[in-house]
Amino acid sequence: MSIFRIALGFACFLALAFAQEGHPLTGTWHGEWSPAPGQQTRIVLYMKWDAKNIVGMIDPGPHSIPLTVATLDAEHWTVHLEGDTKDKAGNPVHISADGKLDNIGSYNRTITGSWTQGGVKGDFKVTRD
């Protein structure tokens, strides 16, 4: 009987460990946005919940773009992101993205929607790794 209790306790522990995934946007997301038909531009998003806000960056690395706005409407599972960068000439470029969070129960959930970078608008899709 004690082996059964130990096994049951271990199973409960494993179930709780896997259930504690955290905020639905936390993680690294990879994908592309299409500024024009047939043209794909690779994007990487990193986001995490800091207990108050969603924080993160677009294209982490030496040329990363901090997210200035990141919101999740959990009622409709929609996401809004914004950030500011500069083009090659040094002119400011605003980035905004609005998308729908899908496959919420899956670890590899997706965000699909519209991406605007400067005056160019296109579709985007990212998948969480």
N, C-alpha and C. Protein backbone atom coordinates (compact mmCIF):
# COMPACT_ATOMS: atom_id res chain seq x y z
N MET A 1 0.82 -1.19 0.00
CA MET A 1 0.00 0.00 0.00
C MET A 1 0.87 1.27 0.00
N SER A 2 2.01 1.23 0.68
CA SER A 2 2.86 2.42 0.73
C SER A 2 3.47 2.72 -0.64
N ILE A 3 3.75 1.68 -1.44
CA ILE A 3 4.27 1.91 -2.79
C ILE A 3 3.21 2.61 -3.63
N PHE A 4 1.95 2.23 -3.46
CA PHE A 4 0.86 2.88 -4.18
C PHE A 4 0.78 4.36 -3.81
N ARG A 5 0.91 4.67 -2.53
CA ARG A 5 0.85 6.07 -2.08
C ARG A 5 2.02 6.88 -2.64
N ILE A 6 3.19 6.28 -2.66
CA ILE A 6 4.36 6.97 -3.21
C ILE A 6 4.17 7.23 -4.70
N ALA A 7 3.69 6.22 -5.43
CA ALA A 7 3.45 6.37 -6.86
C ALA A 7 2.38 7.43 -7.12
N LEU A 8 1.32 7.42 -6.32
CA LEU A 8 0.26 8.41 -6.47
C LEU A 8 0.79 9.82 -6.19
N GLY A 9 1.58 9.96 -5.15
CA GLY A 9 2.17 11.25 -4.82
C GLY A 9 3.10 11.74 -5.92
N PHE A 10 3.89 10.85 -6.48
CA PHE A 10 4.79 11.21 -7.57
C PHE A 10 4.00 11.64 -8.81
N ALA A 11 2.92 10.92 -9.13
CA ALA A 11 2.07 11.28 -10.27
C ALA A 11 1.44 12.66 -10.07
N CYS A 12 0.98 12.95 -8.87
CA CYS A 12 0.41 14.28 -8.59
C CYS A 12 1.47 15.37 -8.74
N PHE A 13 2.68 15.11 -8.26
CA PHE A 13 3.77 16.06 -8.38
C PHE A 13 4.07 16.35 -9.85
N LEU A 14 4.14 15.30 -10.69
CA LEU A 14 4.41 15.49 -12.10
C LEU A 14 3.31 16.30 -12.78
N ALA A 15 2.07 16.01 -12.44
CA ALA A 15 0.95 16.74 -13.03
C ALA A 15 1.02 18.22 -12.67
N LEU A 16 1.35 18.54 -11.43
CA LEU A 16 1.47 19.94 -11.02
C LEU A 16 2.66 20.62 -11.68
N ALA A 17 3.75 19.89 -11.83
CA ALA A 17 4.95 20.47 -12.43
C ALA A 17 4.69 20.86 -13.88
N PHE A 18 3.99 20.02 -14.63
CA PHE A 18 3.71 20.34 -16.03
C PHE A 18 2.60 21.37 -16.17
N ALA A 19 1.74 21.50 -15.18
CA ALA A 19 0.64 22.47 -15.26
C ALA A 19 1.11 23.90 -15.03
N GLN A 20 2.26 24.09 -14.42
CA GLN A 20 2.75 25.42 -14.08
C GLN A 20 3.55 26.01 -15.23
N GLU A 21 2.91 26.28 -16.34
CA GLU A 21 3.59 26.78 -17.51
C GLU A 21 3.83 28.28 -17.46
N GLY A 22 3.01 29.02 -16.76
CA GLY A 22 3.20 30.44 -16.64
C GLY A 22 2.35 31.24 -17.61
N HIS A 23 2.73 32.47 -17.83
CA HIS A 23 2.00 33.39 -18.70
C HIS A 23 1.99 32.86 -20.13
N PRO A 24 0.85 32.98 -20.84
CA PRO A 24 0.76 32.40 -22.18
C PRO A 24 1.69 33.02 -23.23
N LEU A 25 2.24 34.21 -22.99
CA LEU A 25 3.15 34.81 -23.96
C LEU A 25 4.62 34.60 -23.62
N THR A 26 4.91 34.09 -22.43
CA THR A 26 6.29 33.90 -22.01
C THR A 26 6.99 32.90 -22.92
N GLY A 27 8.15 33.30 -23.41
CA GLY A 27 8.96 32.41 -24.23
C GLY A 27 9.55 33.11 -25.43
N THR A 28 10.21 32.33 -26.26
CA THR A 28 10.80 32.82 -27.50
C THR A 28 9.92 32.36 -28.66
N TRP A 29 9.60 33.29 -29.52
CA TRP A 29 8.70 33.06 -30.65
C TRP A 29 9.46 33.31 -31.94
N HIS A 30 9.37 32.40 -32.89
CA HIS A 30 10.03 32.54 -34.19
C HIS A 30 9.00 32.54 -35.30
N GLY A 31 9.24 33.33 -36.33
CA GLY A 31 8.33 33.33 -37.47
C GLY A 31 8.74 34.36 -38.49
N GLU A 32 7.74 34.79 -39.28
CA GLU A 32 8.01 35.72 -40.36
C GLU A 32 6.86 36.71 -40.52
N TRP A 33 7.19 37.84 -41.10
CA TRP A 33 6.15 38.76 -41.54
C TRP A 33 6.40 39.03 -43.01
N SER A 34 5.32 39.32 -43.73
CA SER A 34 5.39 39.50 -45.18
C SER A 34 5.09 40.95 -45.54
N PRO A 35 6.13 41.76 -45.79
CA PRO A 35 5.90 43.15 -46.16
C PRO A 35 5.31 43.28 -47.57
N ALA A 36 5.46 42.25 -48.40
CA ALA A 36 4.89 42.24 -49.75
C ALA A 36 4.63 40.79 -50.13
N PRO A 37 3.69 40.54 -51.02
CA PRO A 37 3.42 39.16 -51.43
C PRO A 37 4.69 38.47 -51.92
N GLY A 38 4.94 37.29 -51.40
CA GLY A 38 6.13 36.53 -51.79
C GLY A 38 7.40 36.93 -51.07
N GLN A 39 7.36 37.96 -50.27
CA GLN A 39 8.54 38.42 -49.53
C GLN A 39 8.37 38.06 -48.06
N GLN A 40 9.36 37.39 -47.49
CA GLN A 40 9.31 36.97 -46.09
C GLN A 40 10.46 37.63 -45.32
N THR A 41 10.15 38.20 -44.17
CA THR A 41 11.17 38.77 -43.30
C THR A 41 11.11 38.04 -41.97
N ARG A 42 12.21 37.43 -41.58
CA ARG A 42 12.27 36.64 -40.35
C ARG A 42 12.18 37.55 -39.14
N ILE A 43 11.40 37.11 -38.12
CA ILE A 43 11.33 37.83 -36.85
C ILE A 43 11.44 36.85 -35.70
N VAL A 44 12.00 37.34 -34.62
CA VAL A 44 12.09 36.60 -33.37
C VAL A 44 11.56 37.53 -32.29
N LEU A 45 10.66 37.02 -31.47
CA LEU A 45 10.14 37.78 -30.33
C LEU A 45 10.52 37.05 -29.05
N TYR A 46 10.92 37.81 -28.06
CA TYR A 46 11.14 37.24 -26.73
C TYR A 46 10.25 38.01 -25.77
N MET A 47 9.41 37.28 -25.03
CA MET A 47 8.52 37.94 -24.07
C MET A 47 8.51 37.16 -22.76
N LYS A 48 8.27 37.90 -21.68
CA LYS A 48 8.09 37.27 -20.37
C LYS A 48 7.20 38.16 -19.51
N TRP A 49 6.59 37.55 -18.54
CA TRP A 49 5.73 38.23 -17.58
C TRP A 49 6.59 38.54 -16.37
N ASP A 50 6.68 39.82 -15.98
CA ASP A 50 7.52 40.20 -14.84
C ASP A 50 6.68 40.41 -13.57
N ALA A 51 5.51 39.79 -13.50
CA ALA A 51 4.56 39.89 -12.38
C ALA A 51 3.72 41.16 -12.43
N LYS A 52 4.01 42.07 -13.34
CA LYS A 52 3.21 43.28 -13.52
C LYS A 52 2.90 43.54 -14.99
N ASN A 53 3.88 43.30 -15.85
CA ASN A 53 3.77 43.63 -17.27
C ASN A 53 4.39 42.55 -18.13
N ILE A 54 4.01 42.57 -19.40
CA ILE A 54 4.69 41.74 -20.39
C ILE A 54 5.86 42.57 -20.89
N VAL A 55 7.06 42.05 -20.77
CA VAL A 55 8.25 42.75 -21.24
C VAL A 55 8.94 41.87 -22.28
N GLY A 56 9.78 42.48 -23.09
CA GLY A 56 10.50 41.68 -24.06
C GLY A 56 11.12 42.51 -25.15
N MET A 57 11.45 41.82 -26.26
CA MET A 57 12.12 42.48 -27.36
C MET A 57 11.83 41.78 -28.66
N ILE A 58 12.00 42.53 -29.72
CA ILE A 58 11.92 42.02 -31.07
C ILE A 58 13.35 41.79 -31.55
N ASP A 59 13.61 40.65 -32.13
CA ASP A 59 14.93 40.27 -32.63
C ASP A 59 16.02 40.46 -31.57
N PRO A 60 15.98 39.65 -30.50
CA PRO A 60 17.01 39.77 -29.47
C PRO A 60 18.40 39.65 -30.08
N GLY A 61 19.32 40.40 -29.55
CA GLY A 61 20.69 40.39 -30.06
C GLY A 61 21.23 41.79 -30.10
N PRO A 62 22.29 42.01 -30.88
CA PRO A 62 22.93 43.33 -30.90
C PRO A 62 22.03 44.44 -31.45
N HIS A 63 21.04 44.10 -32.27
CA HIS A 63 20.15 45.12 -32.83
C HIS A 63 18.73 44.92 -32.33
N SER A 64 18.60 44.52 -31.09
CA SER A 64 17.26 44.23 -30.54
C SER A 64 16.43 45.50 -30.42
N ILE A 65 15.12 45.30 -30.45
CA ILE A 65 14.15 46.39 -30.35
C ILE A 65 13.30 46.13 -29.11
N PRO A 66 13.44 46.92 -28.05
CA PRO A 66 12.62 46.69 -26.85
C PRO A 66 11.15 46.90 -27.15
N LEU A 67 10.31 46.06 -26.58
CA LEU A 67 8.87 46.26 -26.69
C LEU A 67 8.49 47.44 -25.80
N THR A 68 7.83 48.44 -26.37
CA THR A 68 7.36 49.58 -25.58
C THR A 68 5.93 49.35 -25.10
N VAL A 69 5.19 48.52 -25.83
CA VAL A 69 3.83 48.13 -25.45
C VAL A 69 3.68 46.65 -25.75
N ALA A 70 3.14 45.91 -24.81
CA ALA A 70 2.82 44.50 -25.01
C ALA A 70 1.61 44.18 -24.15
N THR A 71 0.50 43.86 -24.79
CA THR A 71 -0.72 43.57 -24.05
C THR A 71 -1.35 42.28 -24.56
N LEU A 72 -2.07 41.63 -23.67
CA LEU A 72 -2.84 40.43 -23.99
C LEU A 72 -4.25 40.63 -23.49
N ASP A 73 -5.23 40.50 -24.39
CA ASP A 73 -6.63 40.49 -24.01
C ASP A 73 -7.01 39.03 -23.86
N ALA A 74 -7.01 38.54 -22.62
CA ALA A 74 -7.25 37.12 -22.36
C ALA A 74 -8.69 36.70 -22.63
N GLU A 75 -9.61 37.64 -22.70
CA GLU A 75 -10.99 37.29 -23.01
C GLU A 75 -11.13 36.88 -24.48
N HIS A 76 -10.41 37.60 -25.37
CA HIS A 76 -10.48 37.31 -26.81
C HIS A 76 -9.20 36.67 -27.34
N TRP A 77 -8.19 36.52 -26.49
CA TRP A 77 -6.88 35.95 -26.84
C TRP A 77 -6.24 36.73 -27.99
N THR A 78 -6.28 38.06 -27.86
CA THR A 78 -5.62 38.92 -28.84
C THR A 78 -4.39 39.57 -28.20
N VAL A 79 -3.41 39.86 -29.03
CA VAL A 79 -2.12 40.39 -28.58
C VAL A 79 -1.84 41.69 -29.34
N HIS A 80 -1.32 42.69 -28.63
CA HIS A 80 -0.88 43.94 -29.26
C HIS A 80 0.56 44.21 -28.82
N LEU A 81 1.44 44.46 -29.79
CA LEU A 81 2.86 44.72 -29.51
C LEU A 81 3.29 45.98 -30.24
N GLU A 82 4.20 46.74 -29.62
CA GLU A 82 4.79 47.92 -30.26
C GLU A 82 6.25 48.05 -29.86
N GLY A 83 7.02 48.65 -30.77
CA GLY A 83 8.42 48.94 -30.50
C GLY A 83 8.91 49.98 -31.48
N ASP A 84 10.03 50.60 -31.16
CA ASP A 84 10.59 51.64 -32.02
C ASP A 84 12.04 51.31 -32.34
N THR A 85 12.39 51.49 -33.61
CA THR A 85 13.75 51.25 -34.07
C THR A 85 14.14 52.36 -35.05
N LYS A 86 15.25 52.18 -35.72
CA LYS A 86 15.70 53.15 -36.74
C LYS A 86 16.03 52.39 -38.01
N ASP A 87 15.81 53.05 -39.15
CA ASP A 87 16.19 52.44 -40.42
C ASP A 87 17.68 52.63 -40.65
N LYS A 88 18.19 52.20 -41.80
CA LYS A 88 19.62 52.29 -42.10
C LYS A 88 20.13 53.72 -42.15
N ALA A 89 19.22 54.66 -42.44
CA ALA A 89 19.61 56.08 -42.49
C ALA A 89 19.51 56.75 -41.12
N GLY A 90 19.05 56.01 -40.11
CA GLY A 90 18.93 56.57 -38.78
C GLY A 90 17.59 57.21 -38.48
N ASN A 91 16.64 57.08 -39.40
CA ASN A 91 15.31 57.64 -39.18
C ASN A 91 14.47 56.72 -38.30
N PRO A 92 13.63 57.30 -37.43
CA PRO A 92 12.81 56.46 -36.55
C PRO A 92 11.77 55.65 -37.34
N VAL A 93 11.57 54.41 -36.90
CA VAL A 93 10.58 53.51 -37.50
C VAL A 93 9.79 52.87 -36.38
N HIS A 94 8.47 53.02 -36.45
CA HIS A 94 7.60 52.43 -35.43
C HIS A 94 7.11 51.08 -35.93
N ILE A 95 7.10 50.11 -35.04
CA ILE A 95 6.61 48.77 -35.34
C ILE A 95 5.40 48.50 -34.47
N SER A 96 4.34 47.98 -35.06
CA SER A 96 3.19 47.54 -34.27
C SER A 96 2.66 46.24 -34.86
N ALA A 97 2.15 45.40 -33.98
CA ALA A 97 1.60 44.11 -34.40
C ALA A 97 0.35 43.82 -33.60
N ASP A 98 -0.66 43.34 -34.29
CA ASP A 98 -1.90 42.90 -33.66
C ASP A 98 -2.18 41.50 -34.14
N GLY A 99 -2.37 40.58 -33.20
CA GLY A 99 -2.57 39.20 -33.60
C GLY A 99 -3.49 38.44 -32.68
N LYS A 100 -3.81 37.25 -33.10
CA LYS A 100 -4.68 36.33 -32.35
C LYS A 100 -3.82 35.17 -31.88
N LEU A 101 -3.93 34.86 -30.60
CA LEU A 101 -3.22 33.73 -30.00
C LEU A 101 -4.03 32.47 -30.26
N ASP A 102 -3.43 31.47 -30.89
CA ASP A 102 -4.09 30.21 -31.21
C ASP A 102 -3.34 29.04 -30.59
N ASN A 103 -4.00 27.90 -30.54
CA ASN A 103 -3.43 26.68 -29.95
C ASN A 103 -2.97 26.94 -28.52
N ILE A 104 -3.82 27.59 -27.75
CA ILE A 104 -3.46 28.04 -26.41
C ILE A 104 -3.08 26.88 -25.50
N GLY A 105 -3.70 25.72 -25.67
CA GLY A 105 -3.38 24.57 -24.84
C GLY A 105 -2.07 23.89 -25.22
N SER A 106 -1.50 24.27 -26.35
CA SER A 106 -0.26 23.66 -26.83
C SER A 106 0.94 24.48 -26.39
N TYR A 107 2.05 23.80 -26.14
CA TYR A 107 3.27 24.54 -25.82
C TYR A 107 3.69 25.38 -27.02
N ASN A 108 3.54 24.83 -28.24
CA ASN A 108 3.92 25.53 -29.46
C ASN A 108 2.75 26.34 -30.02
N ARG A 109 2.22 27.22 -29.18
CA ARG A 109 1.11 28.05 -29.63
C ARG A 109 1.57 29.07 -30.66
N THR A 110 0.64 29.69 -31.36
CA THR A 110 0.97 30.63 -32.42
C THR A 110 0.27 31.97 -32.21
N ILE A 111 0.86 33.00 -32.80
CA ILE A 111 0.22 34.32 -32.91
C ILE A 111 0.21 34.65 -34.39
N THR A 112 -0.97 34.98 -34.91
CA THR A 112 -1.13 35.31 -36.32
C THR A 112 -1.89 36.63 -36.43
N GLY A 113 -1.43 37.51 -37.31
CA GLY A 113 -2.14 38.78 -37.45
C GLY A 113 -1.46 39.72 -38.43
N SER A 114 -1.58 41.02 -38.13
CA SER A 114 -1.01 42.05 -39.01
C SER A 114 0.18 42.72 -38.34
N TRP A 115 1.19 43.01 -39.13
CA TRP A 115 2.45 43.62 -38.68
C TRP A 115 2.65 44.90 -39.49
N THR A 116 2.91 46.00 -38.83
CA THR A 116 3.18 47.26 -39.50
C THR A 116 4.56 47.75 -39.08
N GLN A 117 5.40 48.03 -40.05
CA GLN A 117 6.74 48.52 -39.77
C GLN A 117 6.95 49.76 -40.63
N GLY A 118 6.95 50.93 -39.96
CA GLY A 118 6.99 52.19 -40.70
C GLY A 118 5.68 52.32 -41.46
N GLY A 119 5.76 52.57 -42.75
CA GLY A 119 4.56 52.69 -43.58
C GLY A 119 4.18 51.41 -44.29
N VAL A 120 4.83 50.29 -43.94
CA VAL A 120 4.60 49.03 -44.63
C VAL A 120 3.81 48.10 -43.73
N LYS A 121 2.73 47.54 -44.28
CA LYS A 121 1.88 46.64 -43.51
C LYS A 121 1.84 45.28 -44.19
N GLY A 122 1.85 44.23 -43.37
CA GLY A 122 1.77 42.87 -43.90
C GLY A 122 1.27 41.93 -42.84
N ASP A 123 1.21 40.66 -43.19
CA ASP A 123 0.77 39.62 -42.25
C ASP A 123 1.98 39.03 -41.54
N PHE A 124 1.74 38.48 -40.34
CA PHE A 124 2.81 37.79 -39.64
C PHE A 124 2.27 36.56 -38.93
N LYS A 125 3.17 35.64 -38.67
CA LYS A 125 2.86 34.45 -37.87
C LYS A 125 4.12 34.04 -37.15
N VAL A 126 3.99 33.85 -35.83
CA VAL A 126 5.10 33.36 -35.01
C VAL A 126 4.62 32.17 -34.20
N THR A 127 5.54 31.27 -33.91
CA THR A 127 5.27 30.08 -33.12
C THR A 127 6.23 30.06 -31.95
N ARG A 128 5.70 29.74 -30.78
CA ARG A 128 6.56 29.69 -29.59
C ARG A 128 7.36 28.39 -29.60
N ASP A 129 8.65 28.54 -29.32
CA ASP A 129 9.54 27.37 -29.24
C ASP A 129 9.47 26.74 -27.88
